[in-house]
PDB file of N, CA and C in Angstrom:
ATOM      1  N   UNK A   1     -27.373 -11.739  -3.753  1.00  0.00           N
ATOM      2  CA  UNK A   1     -26.588 -10.938  -2.909  1.00  0.00           C
ATOM      3  C   UNK A   1     -27.664 -10.443  -1.662  1.00  0.00           C
ATOM      4  N   UNK A   2     -26.684 -10.261  -0.179  1.00  0.00           N
ATOM      5  CA  UNK A   2     -27.550 -10.089   0.720  1.00  0.00           C
ATOM      6  C   UNK A   2     -26.555  -9.538   1.346  1.00  0.00           C
ATOM      7  N   UNK A   3     -26.620  -8.360   2.107  1.00  0.00           N
ATOM      8  CA  UNK A   3     -25.785  -7.267   2.685  1.00  0.00           C
ATOM      9  C   UNK A   3     -26.172  -7.560   4.294  1.00  0.00           C
ATOM     10  N   UNK A   4     -25.289  -8.046   5.320  1.00  0.00           N
ATOM     11  CA  UNK A   4     -25.910  -6.865   6.356  1.00  0.00           C
ATOM     12  C   UNK A   4     -26.067  -5.810   6.649  1.00  0.00           C
ATOM     13  N   UNK A   5     -26.631  -5.691   7.810  1.00  0.00           N
ATOM     14  CA  UNK A   5     -26.772  -4.340   8.319  1.00  0.00           C
ATOM     15  C   UNK A   5     -25.569  -3.481   8.363  1.00  0.00           C
ATOM     16  N   UNK A   6     -24.653  -3.814   8.717  1.00  0.00           N
ATOM     17  CA  UNK A   6     -23.074  -3.657   9.094  1.00  0.00           C
ATOM     18  C   UNK A   6     -22.445  -3.113   7.163  1.00  0.00           C
ATOM     19  N   UNK A   7     -22.867  -4.434   6.523  1.00  0.00           N
ATOM     20  CA  UNK A   7     -22.155  -4.145   5.559  1.00  0.00           C
ATOM     21  C   UNK A   7     -22.920  -2.544   4.873  1.00  0.00           C
ATOM     22  N   UNK A   8     -24.368  -2.514   4.644  1.00  0.00           N
ATOM     23  CA  UNK A   8     -24.912  -1.370   4.278  1.00  0.00           C
ATOM     24  C   UNK A   8     -24.315  -0.206   5.080  1.00  0.00           C
ATOM     25  N   UNK A   9     -24.580  -0.057   6.076  1.00  0.00           N
ATOM     26  CA  UNK A   9     -24.163   1.111   7.129  1.00  0.00           C
ATOM     27  C   UNK A   9     -22.067   1.354   6.071  1.00  0.00           C
ATOM     28  N   UNK A  10     -21.643   0.482   6.231  1.00  0.00           N
ATOM     29  CA  UNK A  10     -20.351   0.836   5.651  1.00  0.00           C
ATOM     30  C   UNK A  10     -20.240   1.184   4.606  1.00  0.00           C
ATOM     31  N   UNK A  11     -20.753   0.718   3.500  1.00  0.00           N
ATOM     32  CA  UNK A  11     -20.927   0.610   2.050  1.00  0.00           C
ATOM     33  C   UNK A  11     -21.573   2.463   1.803  1.00  0.00           C
ATOM     34  N   UNK A  12     -22.481   2.729   3.091  1.00  0.00           N
ATOM     35  CA  UNK A  12     -22.707   4.064   2.705  1.00  0.00           C
ATOM     36  C   UNK A  12     -21.763   5.070   3.355  1.00  0.00           C
ATOM     37  N   UNK A  13     -21.112   5.197   4.642  1.00  0.00           N
ATOM     38  CA  UNK A  13     -20.155   5.872   4.946  1.00  0.00           C
ATOM     39  C   UNK A  13     -19.312   5.486   3.977  1.00  0.00           C
ATOM     40  N   UNK A  14     -18.676   4.876   3.734  1.00  0.00           N
ATOM     41  CA  UNK A  14     -17.518   4.789   2.326  1.00  0.00           C
ATOM     42  C   UNK A  14     -17.998   5.182   1.024  1.00  0.00           C
ATOM     43  N   UNK A  15     -19.229   5.808   1.013  1.00  0.00           N
ATOM     44  CA  UNK A  15     -19.820   6.274  -0.421  1.00  0.00           C
ATOM     45  C   UNK A  15     -19.416   5.447  -1.539  1.00  0.00           C
ATOM     46  N   UNK A  16     -19.763   4.200  -1.577  1.00  0.00           N
ATOM     47  CA  UNK A  16     -19.725   2.690  -2.086  1.00  0.00           C
ATOM     48  C   UNK A  16     -21.370   2.375  -2.862  1.00  0.00           C
ATOM     49  N   UNK A  17     -21.614   2.969  -3.510  1.00  0.00           N
ATOM     50  CA  UNK A  17     -22.669   2.831  -4.099  1.00  0.00           C
ATOM     51  C   UNK A  17     -23.160   1.090  -4.316  1.00  0.00           C
ATOM     52  N   UNK A  18     -24.717   1.086  -4.265  1.00  0.00           N
ATOM     53  CA  UNK A  18     -25.186  -0.771  -3.872  1.00  0.00           C
ATOM     54  C   UNK A  18     -24.746  -1.289  -5.602  1.00  0.00           C
ATOM     55  N   UNK A  19     -24.865  -0.381  -6.265  1.00  0.00           N
ATOM     56  CA  UNK A  19     -24.892  -1.523  -8.001  1.00  0.00           C
ATOM     57  C   UNK A  19     -23.366  -1.421  -8.116  1.00  0.00           C
ATOM     58  N   UNK A  20     -22.239  -0.418  -7.313  1.00  0.00           N
ATOM     59  CA  UNK A  20     -20.743  -1.415  -7.510  1.00  0.00           C
ATOM     60  C   UNK A  20     -20.350  -2.042  -6.409  1.00  0.00           C
ATOM     61  N   UNK A  21     -21.307  -2.265  -5.296  1.00  0.00           N
ATOM     62  CA  UNK A  21     -21.122  -3.590  -4.419  1.00  0.00           C
ATOM     63  C   UNK A  21     -21.417  -4.628  -5.009  1.00  0.00           C
ATOM     64  N   UNK A  22     -22.523  -4.544  -5.717  1.00  0.00           N
ATOM     65  CA  UNK A  22     -23.283  -6.042  -6.441  1.00  0.00           C
ATOM     66  C   UNK A  22     -22.564  -5.832  -7.651  1.00  0.00           C
ATOM     67  N   UNK A  23     -21.502  -5.045  -8.189  1.00  0.00           N
ATOM     68  CA  UNK A  23     -20.401  -5.515  -9.614  1.00  0.00           C
ATOM     69  C   UNK A  23     -19.580  -6.147  -8.799  1.00  0.00           C
ATOM     70  N   UNK A  24     -18.854  -5.647  -7.885  1.00  0.00           N
ATOM     71  CA  UNK A  24     -17.594  -6.673  -6.788  1.00  0.00           C
ATOM     72  C   UNK A  24     -17.895  -7.856  -6.796  1.00  0.00           C
ATOM     73  N   UNK A  25     -19.119  -8.111  -6.482  1.00  0.00           N
ATOM     74  CA  UNK A  25     -19.772  -9.037  -5.646  1.00  0.00           C
ATOM     75  C   UNK A  25     -19.792 -10.099  -6.513  1.00  0.00           C
ATOM     76  N   UNK A  26     -20.296  -9.731  -8.259  1.00  0.00           N
ATOM     77  CA  UNK A  26     -20.466 -10.944  -9.615  1.00  0.00           C
ATOM     78  C   UNK A  26     -19.210 -10.728 -10.193  1.00  0.00           C
ATOM     79  N   UNK A  27     -18.379  -9.778  -9.869  1.00  0.00           N
ATOM     80  CA  UNK A  27     -16.869 -10.021 -11.090  1.00  0.00           C
ATOM     81  C   UNK A  27     -15.942 -10.010 -10.087  1.00  0.00           C
ATOM     82  N   UNK A  28     -15.631  -9.209  -8.980  1.00  0.00           N
ATOM     83  CA  UNK A  28     -14.870  -9.175  -8.167  1.00  0.00           C
ATOM     84  C   UNK A  28     -13.682 -10.342  -8.733  1.00  0.00           C
ATOM     85  N   UNK A  29     -12.672  -9.869  -8.173  1.00  0.00           N
ATOM     86  CA  UNK A  29     -11.472 -11.218  -8.072  1.00  0.00           C
ATOM     87  C   UNK A  29     -11.228 -11.348  -6.590  1.00  0.00           C
ATOM     88  N   UNK A  30     -11.396 -13.065  -6.270  1.00  0.00           N
ATOM     89  CA  UNK A  30     -11.247 -13.790  -5.148  1.00  0.00           C
ATOM     90  C   UNK A  30     -10.297 -13.796  -4.490  1.00  0.00           C
ATOM     91  N   UNK A  31     -10.267 -13.699  -3.057  1.00  0.00           N
ATOM     92  CA  UNK A  31      -8.969 -14.077  -2.129  1.00  0.00           C
ATOM     93  C   UNK A  31      -9.490 -14.303  -0.749  1.00  0.00           C
ATOM     94  N   UNK A  32      -8.769 -15.027  -0.376  1.00  0.00           N
ATOM     95  CA  UNK A  32      -8.874 -15.919   1.004  1.00  0.00           C
ATOM     96  C   UNK A  32      -8.078 -14.426   2.098  1.00  0.00           C
ATOM     97  N   UNK A  33      -8.914 -14.306   2.905  1.00  0.00           N
ATOM     98  CA  UNK A  33      -8.889 -13.023   3.790  1.00  0.00           C
ATOM     99  C   UNK A  33      -9.040 -13.464   5.368  1.00  0.00           C
ATOM    100  N   UNK A  34      -8.113 -14.068   6.241  1.00  0.00           N
ATOM    101  CA  UNK A  34      -8.379 -14.043   7.450  1.00  0.00           C
ATOM    102  C   UNK A  34      -9.976 -15.075   7.935  1.00  0.00           C
ATOM    103  N   UNK A  35      -9.580 -15.907   7.192  1.00  0.00           N
ATOM    104  CA  UNK A  35     -11.119 -16.866   7.272  1.00  0.00           C
ATOM    105  C   UNK A  35     -12.133 -16.628   6.619  1.00  0.00           C
ATOM    106  N   UNK A  36     -12.209 -15.571   5.300  1.00  0.00           N
ATOM    107  CA  UNK A  36     -13.329 -15.387   4.915  1.00  0.00           C
ATOM    108  C   UNK A  36     -12.725 -14.985   3.328  1.00  0.00           C
ATOM    109  N   UNK A  37     -14.027 -15.065   2.355  1.00  0.00           N
ATOM    110  CA  UNK A  37     -13.423 -14.500   1.188  1.00  0.00           C
ATOM    111  C   UNK A  37     -13.528 -13.010   0.793  1.00  0.00           C
ATOM    112  N   UNK A  38     -12.287 -12.166   0.068  1.00  0.00           N
ATOM    113  CA  UNK A  38     -12.816 -11.274  -0.380  1.00  0.00           C
ATOM    114  C   UNK A  38     -12.793 -10.808  -2.056  1.00  0.00           C
ATOM    115  N   UNK A  39     -13.512 -10.244  -2.167  1.00  0.00           N
ATOM    116  CA  UNK A  39     -13.826  -9.950  -3.347  1.00  0.00           C
ATOM    117  C   UNK A  39     -13.506  -8.587  -3.933  1.00  0.00           C
ATOM    118  N   UNK A  40     -12.193  -8.250  -4.693  1.00  0.00           N
ATOM    119  CA  UNK A  40     -11.558  -7.240  -5.075  1.00  0.00           C
ATOM    120  C   UNK A  40     -11.911  -6.636  -6.194  1.00  0.00           C
ATOM    121  N   UNK A  41     -12.145  -5.322  -6.262  1.00  0.00           N
ATOM    122  CA  UNK A  41     -12.540  -4.702  -7.586  1.00  0.00           C
ATOM    123  C   UNK A  41     -11.274  -3.984  -8.387  1.00  0.00           C
ATOM    124  N   UNK A  42     -10.478  -5.041  -9.376  1.00  0.00           N
ATOM    125  CA  UNK A  42      -9.346  -4.511  -9.534  1.00  0.00           C
ATOM    126  C   UNK A  42      -9.645  -4.309 -11.033  1.00  0.00           C
ATOM    127  N   UNK A  43      -8.458  -4.188 -12.120  1.00  0.00           N
ATOM    128  CA  UNK A  43      -8.345  -3.436 -13.241  1.00  0.00           C
ATOM    129  C   UNK A  43      -9.032  -5.447 -14.213  1.00  0.00           C
ATOM    130  N   UNK A  44      -8.804  -6.271 -13.808  1.00  0.00           N
ATOM    131  CA  UNK A  44      -9.641  -7.684 -14.512  1.00  0.00           C
ATOM    132  C   UNK A  44     -11.010  -7.680 -14.669  1.00  0.00           C
ATOM    133  N   UNK A  45     -11.104  -7.313 -13.227  1.00  0.00           N
ATOM    134  CA  UNK A  45     -12.805  -7.433 -12.547  1.00  0.00           C
ATOM    135  C   UNK A  45     -13.705  -6.084 -13.470  1.00  0.00           C
ATOM    136  N   UNK A  46     -12.939  -4.601 -13.729  1.00  0.00           N
ATOM    137  CA  UNK A  46     -13.158  -3.372 -14.209  1.00  0.00           C
ATOM    138  C   UNK A  46     -13.244  -4.171 -15.716  1.00  0.00           C
ATOM    139  N   UNK A  47     -12.781  -4.807 -16.135  1.00  0.00           N
ATOM    140  CA  UNK A  47     -12.856  -4.848 -17.530  1.00  0.00           C
ATOM    141  C   UNK A  47     -13.993  -6.095 -17.824  1.00  0.00           C
ATOM    142  N   UNK A  48     -14.065  -7.021 -17.005  1.00  0.00           N
ATOM    143  CA  UNK A  48     -14.874  -8.035 -17.577  1.00  0.00           C
ATOM    144  C   UNK A  48     -16.187  -7.428 -17.007  1.00  0.00           C
ATOM    145  N   UNK A  49     -16.087  -6.855 -16.092  1.00  0.00           N
ATOM    146  CA  UNK A  49     -17.581  -6.039 -15.768  1.00  0.00           C
ATOM    147  C   UNK A  49     -18.321  -5.165 -17.009  1.00  0.00           C
ATOM    148  N   UNK A  50     -17.337  -4.174 -17.307  1.00  0.00           N
ATOM    149  CA  UNK A  50     -17.549  -3.248 -18.613  1.00  0.00           C
ATOM    150  C   UNK A  50     -17.821  -3.379 -20.209  1.00  0.00           C
ATOM    151  N   UNK A  51     -17.280  -4.993 -19.896  1.00  0.00           N
ATOM    152  CA  UNK A  51     -17.771  -5.488 -21.395  1.00  0.00           C
ATOM    153  C   UNK A  51     -17.734  -5.141 -22.085  1.00  0.00           C
ATOM    154  N   UNK A  52     -17.051  -4.064 -23.020  1.00  0.00           N
ATOM    155  CA  UNK A  52     -16.367  -2.953 -23.868  1.00  0.00           C
ATOM    156  C   UNK A  52     -16.976  -1.342 -23.461  1.00  0.00           C
ATOM    157  N   UNK A  53     -17.903  -1.219 -22.825  1.00  0.00           N
ATOM    158  CA  UNK A  53     -18.589   0.181 -22.683  1.00  0.00           C
ATOM    159  C   UNK A  53     -17.294   0.385 -21.865  1.00  0.00           C
ATOM    160  N   UNK A  54     -17.366   1.751 -22.589  1.00  0.00           N
ATOM    161  CA  UNK A  54     -15.889   2.577 -21.563  1.00  0.00           C
ATOM    162  C   UNK A  54     -16.580   3.598 -20.616  1.00  0.00           C
ATOM    163  N   UNK A  55     -18.163   3.945 -20.318  1.00  0.00           N
ATOM    164  CA  UNK A  55     -18.518   4.547 -19.855  1.00  0.00           C
ATOM    165  C   UNK A  55     -18.518   3.678 -18.565  1.00  0.00           C
ATOM    166  N   UNK A  56     -18.742   2.659 -18.508  1.00  0.00           N
ATOM    167  CA  UNK A  56     -19.174   1.659 -17.170  1.00  0.00           C
ATOM    168  C   UNK A  56     -17.689   2.057 -16.828  1.00  0.00           C
ATOM    169  N   UNK A  57     -16.673   1.414 -17.777  1.00  0.00           N
ATOM    170  CA  UNK A  57     -15.508   1.124 -17.015  1.00  0.00           C
ATOM    171  C   UNK A  57     -14.814   2.566 -16.834  1.00  0.00           C
ATOM    172  N   UNK A  58     -14.815   3.686 -17.344  1.00  0.00           N
ATOM    173  CA  UNK A  58     -14.747   5.276 -16.480  1.00  0.00           C
ATOM    174  C   UNK A  58     -15.202   5.196 -14.546  1.00  0.00           C
ATOM    175  N   UNK A  59     -15.984   4.951 -15.241  1.00  0.00           N
ATOM    176  CA  UNK A  59     -17.050   5.020 -13.668  1.00  0.00           C
ATOM    177  C   UNK A  59     -16.520   4.086 -12.628  1.00  0.00           C
ATOM    178  N   UNK A  60     -16.353   2.706 -12.922  1.00  0.00           N
ATOM    179  CA  UNK A  60     -15.709   1.388 -12.126  1.00  0.00           C
ATOM    180  C   UNK A  60     -14.535   1.993 -11.611  1.00  0.00           C
ATOM    181  N   UNK A  61     -14.176   2.624 -12.577  1.00  0.00           N
ATOM    182  CA  UNK A  61     -12.336   2.863 -12.430  1.00  0.00           C
ATOM    183  C   UNK A  61     -12.414   3.923 -11.219  1.00  0.00           C
ATOM    184  N   UNK A  62     -13.202   4.420 -11.098  1.00  0.00           N
ATOM    185  CA  UNK A  62     -13.172   5.140  -9.805  1.00  0.00           C
ATOM    186  C   UNK A  62     -13.706   4.788  -8.294  1.00  0.00           C
ATOM    187  N   UNK A  63     -13.709   3.470  -8.343  1.00  0.00           N
ATOM    188  CA  UNK A  63     -13.716   2.508  -7.367  1.00  0.00           C
ATOM    189  C   UNK A  63     -12.584   1.448  -7.411  1.00  0.00           C
ATOM    190  N   UNK A  64     -11.847   1.248  -8.296  1.00  0.00           N
ATOM    191  CA  UNK A  64     -10.925   0.787  -8.348  1.00  0.00           C
ATOM    192  C   UNK A  64      -9.902   0.361  -6.937  1.00  0.00           C
ATOM    193  N   UNK A  65     -10.129  -0.725  -6.576  1.00  0.00           N
ATOM    194  CA  UNK A  65      -9.486  -1.275  -5.000  1.00  0.00           C
ATOM    195  C   UNK A  65     -10.730  -1.568  -4.145  1.00  0.00           C
ATOM    196  N   UNK A  66     -11.324  -1.487  -4.340  1.00  0.00           N
ATOM    197  CA  UNK A  66     -12.741  -1.223  -3.333  1.00  0.00           C
ATOM    198  C   UNK A  66     -13.097  -2.915  -2.785  1.00  0.00           C
ATOM    199  N   UNK A  67     -13.382  -3.356  -1.973  1.00  0.00           N
ATOM    200  CA  UNK A  67     -13.437  -4.597  -1.761  1.00  0.00           C
ATOM    201  C   UNK A  67     -14.605  -5.400  -0.588  1.00  0.00           C
ATOM    202  N   UNK A  68     -15.436  -6.334  -0.550  1.00  0.00           N
ATOM    203  CA  UNK A  68     -16.029  -6.868  -0.110  1.00  0.00           C
ATOM    204  C   UNK A  68     -15.850  -7.897   0.344  1.00  0.00           C
ATOM    205  N   UNK A  69     -15.831  -8.214   1.679  1.00  0.00           N
ATOM    206  CA  UNK A  69     -15.931  -9.387   2.667  1.00  0.00           C
ATOM    207  C   UNK A  69     -17.327 -10.187   2.506  1.00  0.00           C
ATOM    208  N   UNK A  70     -16.683 -11.170   2.153  1.00  0.00           N
ATOM    209  CA  UNK A  70     -18.050 -12.745   2.169  1.00  0.00           C
ATOM    210  C   UNK A  70     -17.938 -13.476   3.058  1.00  0.00           C
ATOM    211  N   UNK A  71     -18.890 -13.761   3.936  1.00  0.00           N
ATOM    212  CA  UNK A  71     -18.925 -14.704   5.044  1.00  0.00           C
ATOM    213  C   UNK A  71     -19.223 -15.783   4.647  1.00  0.00           C
ATOM    214  N   UNK A  72     -20.416 -16.651   5.604  1.00  0.00           N
ATOM    215  CA  UNK A  72     -20.446 -18.383   4.891  1.00  0.00           C
ATOM    216  C   UNK A  72     -22.352 -17.775   4.978  1.00  0.00           C
ATOM    217  N   UNK A  73     -22.547 -18.332   4.029  1.00  0.00           N
ATOM    218  CA  UNK A  73     -24.122 -18.219   3.114  1.00  0.00           C
ATOM    219  C   UNK A  73     -24.023 -17.472   1.972  1.00  0.00           C
ATOM    220  N   UNK A  74     -22.805 -16.949   1.439  1.00  0.00           N
ATOM    221  CA  UNK A  74     -22.886 -15.427   0.802  1.00  0.00           C
ATOM    222  C   UNK A  74     -23.259 -14.203   0.890  1.00  0.00           C
ATOM    223  N   UNK A  75     -23.319 -14.307   2.375  1.00  0.00           N
ATOM    224  CA  UNK A  75     -23.416 -12.868   2.718  1.00  0.00           C
ATOM    225  C   UNK A  75     -22.338 -11.835   2.677  1.00  0.00           C
ATOM    226  N   UNK A  76     -22.830 -10.794   2.482  1.00  0.00           N
ATOM    227  CA  UNK A  76     -21.149  -9.533   2.233  1.00  0.00           C
ATOM    228  C   UNK A  76     -21.485  -9.134   3.982  1.00  0.00           C
ATOM    229  N   UNK A  77     -20.454  -9.351   4.624  1.00  0.00           N
ATOM    230  CA  UNK A  77     -20.158  -8.828   5.847  1.00  0.00           C
ATOM    231  C   UNK A  77     -20.124  -7.032   5.814  1.00  0.00           C
ATOM    232  N   UNK A  78     -18.876  -6.931   5.116  1.00  0.00           N
ATOM    233  CA  UNK A  78     -18.339  -5.531   4.932  1.00  0.00           C
ATOM    234  C   UNK A  78     -17.846  -4.881   3.746  1.00  0.00           C
ATOM    235  N   UNK A  79     -17.800  -4.046   3.610  1.00  0.00           N
ATOM    236  CA  UNK A  79     -17.531  -3.279   2.032  1.00  0.00           C
ATOM    237  C   UNK A  79     -16.480  -2.064   2.341  1.00  0.00           C
ATOM    238  N   UNK A  80     -15.636  -1.898   1.530  1.00  0.00           N
ATOM    239  CA  UNK A  80     -14.275  -0.979   1.986  1.00  0.00           C
ATOM    240  C   UNK A  80     -13.734  -0.596   0.886  1.00  0.00           C
ATOM    241  N   UNK A  81     -12.632   0.334   0.486  1.00  0.00           N
ATOM    242  CA  UNK A  81     -11.907   1.012  -0.096  1.00  0.00           C
ATOM    243  C   UNK A  81     -10.653   0.332  -0.141  1.00  0.00           C
ATOM    244  N   UNK A  82      -9.871  -0.349  -0.701  1.00  0.00           N
ATOM    245  CA  UNK A  82      -8.579  -0.439  -0.138  1.00  0.00           C
ATOM    246  C   UNK A  82      -7.384   0.967  -0.264  1.00  0.00           C
ATOM    247  N   UNK A  83      -6.804   1.266   0.796  1.00  0.00           N
ATOM    248  CA  UNK A  83      -6.103   2.459   0.841  1.00  0.00           C
ATOM    249  C   UNK A  83      -4.142   1.977   0.789  1.00  0.00           C
ATOM    250  N   UNK A  84      -4.372   1.103   1.513  1.00  0.00           N
ATOM    251  CA  UNK A  84      -2.924   0.175   1.455  1.00  0.00           C
ATOM    252  C   UNK A  84      -2.869  -1.153   0.660  1.00  0.00           C
ATOM    253  N   UNK A  85      -1.449  -1.426   0.529  1.00  0.00           N
ATOM    254  CA  UNK A  85      -1.266  -2.906  -0.369  1.00  0.00           C
ATOM    255  C   UNK A  85      -2.228  -3.550   0.435  1.00  0.00           C
ATOM    256  N   UNK A  86      -2.468  -5.082  -0.778  1.00  0.00           N
ATOM    257  CA  UNK A  86      -2.668  -6.385  -0.045  1.00  0.00           C
ATOM    258  C   UNK A  86      -1.890  -6.983   1.076  1.00  0.00           C
ATOM    259  N   UNK A  87      -1.950  -7.662   2.119  1.00  0.00           N
ATOM    260  CA  UNK A  87      -1.356  -8.578   2.619  1.00  0.00           C
ATOM    261  C   UNK A  87      -1.051  -9.912   1.755  1.00  0.00           C
ATOM    262  N   UNK A  88      -0.247 -10.507   1.834  1.00  0.00           N
ATOM    263  CA  UNK A  88      -0.104 -11.973   1.057  1.00  0.00           C
ATOM    264  C   UNK A  88       0.087 -12.773   2.391  1.00  0.00           C
TER     265      UNK A  88
END
């Protein structure tokens, strides 16, 4: 997992810990978004990442709806939290 400087800055400003960003990158649900891949931390991804650990599931639940945008070369471009519904 490689983050751009912009992604590091945005994750820090949006209070997304780097371990949560790594979890989204590893277990997030992929969607196509404006020419790049979007990986979202939804309930399925949380259950998969928690693997039965309630404490981890509760902690990740706080970040449900967070997402990362991955560009060419598997580099994370930005990280954010979803505040509106996803456009189809």
